[in-house]
């Protein structure tokens, strides 16, 4: 099943890729410039804190 939102994102990504002739360096440079122009609108989330693992229990096999 196709998701219209995913298809739209893929379409725009391919247009952006073609605009820079599939040159990854130029694509990333353009995205960094776009990000810088947005200022504080870019969200930077703090990393999630991991919970410590609980001690594993040894299984007791029935006799």
N, C-alpha and C. Protein backbone atom coordinates (compact mmCIF):
# COMPACT_ATOMS: atom_id res chain seq x y z
N UNK A 1 0.84 -1.18 0.00
CA UNK A 1 0.00 0.00 0.00
C UNK A 1 0.90 1.25 0.00
N UNK A 2 0.59 2.18 -0.84
CA UNK A 2 1.38 3.40 -0.96
C UNK A 2 0.80 4.50 -0.08
N UNK A 3 1.70 5.21 0.58
CA UNK A 3 1.32 6.32 1.45
C UNK A 3 1.54 7.62 0.66
N UNK A 4 0.50 8.41 0.46
CA UNK A 4 0.65 9.64 -0.33
C UNK A 4 1.67 10.62 0.27
N UNK A 5 1.78 10.66 1.58
CA UNK A 5 2.74 11.56 2.22
C UNK A 5 4.17 11.13 1.89
N UNK A 6 4.42 9.83 1.96
CA UNK A 6 5.75 9.31 1.65
C UNK A 6 6.08 9.57 0.19
N UNK A 7 5.11 9.36 -0.68
CA UNK A 7 5.32 9.59 -2.11
C UNK A 7 5.66 11.06 -2.38
N UNK A 8 5.01 11.97 -1.68
CA UNK A 8 5.27 13.39 -1.87
C UNK A 8 6.69 13.75 -1.41
N UNK A 9 7.11 13.21 -0.27
CA UNK A 9 8.46 13.46 0.22
C UNK A 9 9.48 12.93 -0.77
N UNK A 10 9.26 11.73 -1.28
CA UNK A 10 10.18 11.14 -2.26
C UNK A 10 10.26 11.98 -3.53
N UNK A 11 9.12 12.50 -3.96
CA UNK A 11 9.08 13.34 -5.17
C UNK A 11 9.95 14.59 -4.98
N UNK A 12 9.78 15.26 -3.84
CA UNK A 12 10.54 16.48 -3.57
C UNK A 12 12.03 16.17 -3.38
N UNK A 13 12.33 15.05 -2.76
CA UNK A 13 13.73 14.65 -2.56
C UNK A 13 14.40 14.41 -3.92
N UNK A 14 13.70 13.75 -4.83
CA UNK A 14 14.27 13.50 -6.15
C UNK A 14 14.46 14.79 -6.94
N UNK A 15 13.52 15.72 -6.81
CA UNK A 15 13.67 17.01 -7.49
C UNK A 15 14.90 17.74 -6.95
N UNK A 16 15.09 17.71 -5.64
CA UNK A 16 16.23 18.35 -5.01
C UNK A 16 17.53 17.69 -5.48
N UNK A 17 17.52 16.37 -5.56
CA UNK A 17 18.69 15.61 -6.03
C UNK A 17 19.04 15.99 -7.46
N UNK A 18 18.05 16.06 -8.34
CA UNK A 18 18.28 16.43 -9.74
C UNK A 18 18.82 17.85 -9.86
N UNK A 19 18.34 18.74 -9.00
CA UNK A 19 18.76 20.14 -9.04
C UNK A 19 20.28 20.26 -8.86
N UNK A 20 20.87 19.35 -8.08
CA UNK A 20 22.30 19.39 -7.82
C UNK A 20 23.06 18.27 -8.53
N UNK A 21 22.43 17.68 -9.54
CA UNK A 21 23.09 16.66 -10.35
C UNK A 21 23.56 15.46 -9.54
N UNK A 22 22.81 15.09 -8.51
CA UNK A 22 23.13 13.95 -7.64
C UNK A 22 24.46 14.11 -6.91
N UNK A 23 24.95 15.35 -6.79
CA UNK A 23 26.21 15.61 -6.09
C UNK A 23 25.91 15.74 -4.60
N UNK A 24 26.28 14.71 -3.84
CA UNK A 24 25.94 14.67 -2.42
C UNK A 24 26.53 15.84 -1.65
N UNK A 25 27.74 16.24 -1.98
CA UNK A 25 28.37 17.37 -1.30
C UNK A 25 27.54 18.64 -1.47
N UNK A 26 27.12 18.91 -2.70
CA UNK A 26 26.32 20.10 -2.97
C UNK A 26 24.94 20.03 -2.32
N UNK A 27 24.34 18.82 -2.31
CA UNK A 27 23.02 18.64 -1.68
C UNK A 27 23.12 18.95 -0.19
N UNK A 28 24.13 18.38 0.48
CA UNK A 28 24.30 18.61 1.92
C UNK A 28 24.60 20.07 2.22
N UNK A 29 25.42 20.68 1.38
CA UNK A 29 25.74 22.10 1.55
C UNK A 29 24.46 22.94 1.48
N UNK A 30 23.60 22.64 0.52
CA UNK A 30 22.34 23.36 0.38
C UNK A 30 21.45 23.16 1.60
N UNK A 31 21.40 21.94 2.10
CA UNK A 31 20.57 21.65 3.27
C UNK A 31 21.10 22.36 4.52
N UNK A 32 22.44 22.43 4.66
CA UNK A 32 23.02 23.15 5.79
C UNK A 32 22.69 24.64 5.71
N UNK A 33 22.74 25.21 4.50
CA UNK A 33 22.38 26.63 4.32
C UNK A 33 20.92 26.86 4.66
N UNK A 34 20.06 25.94 4.23
CA UNK A 34 18.63 26.05 4.54
C UNK A 34 18.41 25.98 6.05
N UNK A 35 19.07 25.05 6.70
CA UNK A 35 18.94 24.90 8.14
C UNK A 35 19.39 26.16 8.87
N UNK A 36 20.51 26.75 8.43
CA UNK A 36 21.03 27.97 9.05
C UNK A 36 20.06 29.13 8.87
N UNK A 37 19.38 29.17 7.74
CA UNK A 37 18.46 30.28 7.47
C UNK A 37 17.19 30.19 8.32
N UNK A 38 16.91 29.01 8.86
CA UNK A 38 15.70 28.84 9.67
C UNK A 38 15.89 29.32 11.10
N UNK A 39 17.13 29.48 11.51
CA UNK A 39 17.41 29.98 12.85
C UNK A 39 16.90 29.04 13.94
N UNK A 40 16.13 29.60 14.85
CA UNK A 40 15.66 28.85 16.01
C UNK A 40 14.52 27.89 15.69
N UNK A 41 14.04 27.87 14.46
CA UNK A 41 12.91 26.99 14.12
C UNK A 41 13.31 25.52 14.06
N UNK A 42 14.61 25.25 13.99
CA UNK A 42 15.07 23.87 13.92
C UNK A 42 15.07 23.29 15.33
N UNK A 43 14.49 22.14 15.49
CA UNK A 43 14.38 21.52 16.80
C UNK A 43 15.61 20.66 17.06
N UNK A 44 16.20 20.83 18.23
CA UNK A 44 17.33 20.00 18.64
C UNK A 44 16.93 19.34 19.95
N UNK A 45 16.57 18.09 19.88
CA UNK A 45 16.13 17.39 21.07
C UNK A 45 17.32 16.85 21.85
N UNK A 46 17.16 16.84 23.17
CA UNK A 46 18.19 16.24 24.02
C UNK A 46 18.12 14.74 23.86
N UNK A 47 19.25 14.07 23.94
CA UNK A 47 19.21 12.61 23.84
C UNK A 47 18.42 12.01 24.99
N UNK A 48 17.71 10.93 24.72
CA UNK A 48 16.94 10.27 25.75
C UNK A 48 17.89 9.55 26.70
N UNK A 49 17.54 9.59 27.97
CA UNK A 49 18.36 8.88 28.95
C UNK A 49 17.96 7.42 28.94
N UNK A 50 18.96 6.57 28.91
CA UNK A 50 18.69 5.13 28.90
C UNK A 50 18.52 4.65 30.33
N UNK A 51 17.56 3.77 30.49
CA UNK A 51 17.38 3.16 31.81
C UNK A 51 18.42 2.06 31.97
N UNK A 52 18.94 1.93 33.17
CA UNK A 52 19.90 0.85 33.39
C UNK A 52 19.23 -0.51 33.22
N UNK A 53 19.99 -1.45 32.68
CA UNK A 53 19.45 -2.78 32.49
C UNK A 53 19.28 -3.44 33.85
N UNK A 54 18.21 -4.20 33.97
CA UNK A 54 18.01 -4.94 35.21
C UNK A 54 18.83 -6.22 35.14
N UNK A 55 19.19 -6.70 36.30
CA UNK A 55 19.98 -7.94 36.34
C UNK A 55 19.16 -9.07 35.74
N UNK A 56 19.79 -9.83 34.88
CA UNK A 56 19.06 -10.93 34.25
C UNK A 56 18.91 -12.07 35.23
N UNK A 57 17.78 -12.72 35.15
CA UNK A 57 17.51 -13.86 36.03
C UNK A 57 17.87 -15.14 35.30
N UNK A 58 18.46 -16.04 36.05
CA UNK A 58 18.78 -17.34 35.46
C UNK A 58 17.52 -18.19 35.49
N UNK A 59 17.29 -18.88 34.42
CA UNK A 59 16.13 -19.76 34.35
C UNK A 59 16.43 -21.05 35.08
N UNK A 60 15.46 -21.47 35.81
CA UNK A 60 15.59 -22.76 36.48
C UNK A 60 14.81 -23.77 35.67
N UNK A 61 15.52 -24.79 35.22
CA UNK A 61 14.87 -25.81 34.40
C UNK A 61 14.14 -26.81 35.31
N UNK A 62 12.94 -27.14 34.91
CA UNK A 62 12.23 -28.16 35.70
C UNK A 62 12.89 -29.53 35.51
N UNK A 63 12.86 -30.34 36.57
CA UNK A 63 13.49 -31.67 36.50
C UNK A 63 12.54 -32.71 36.03
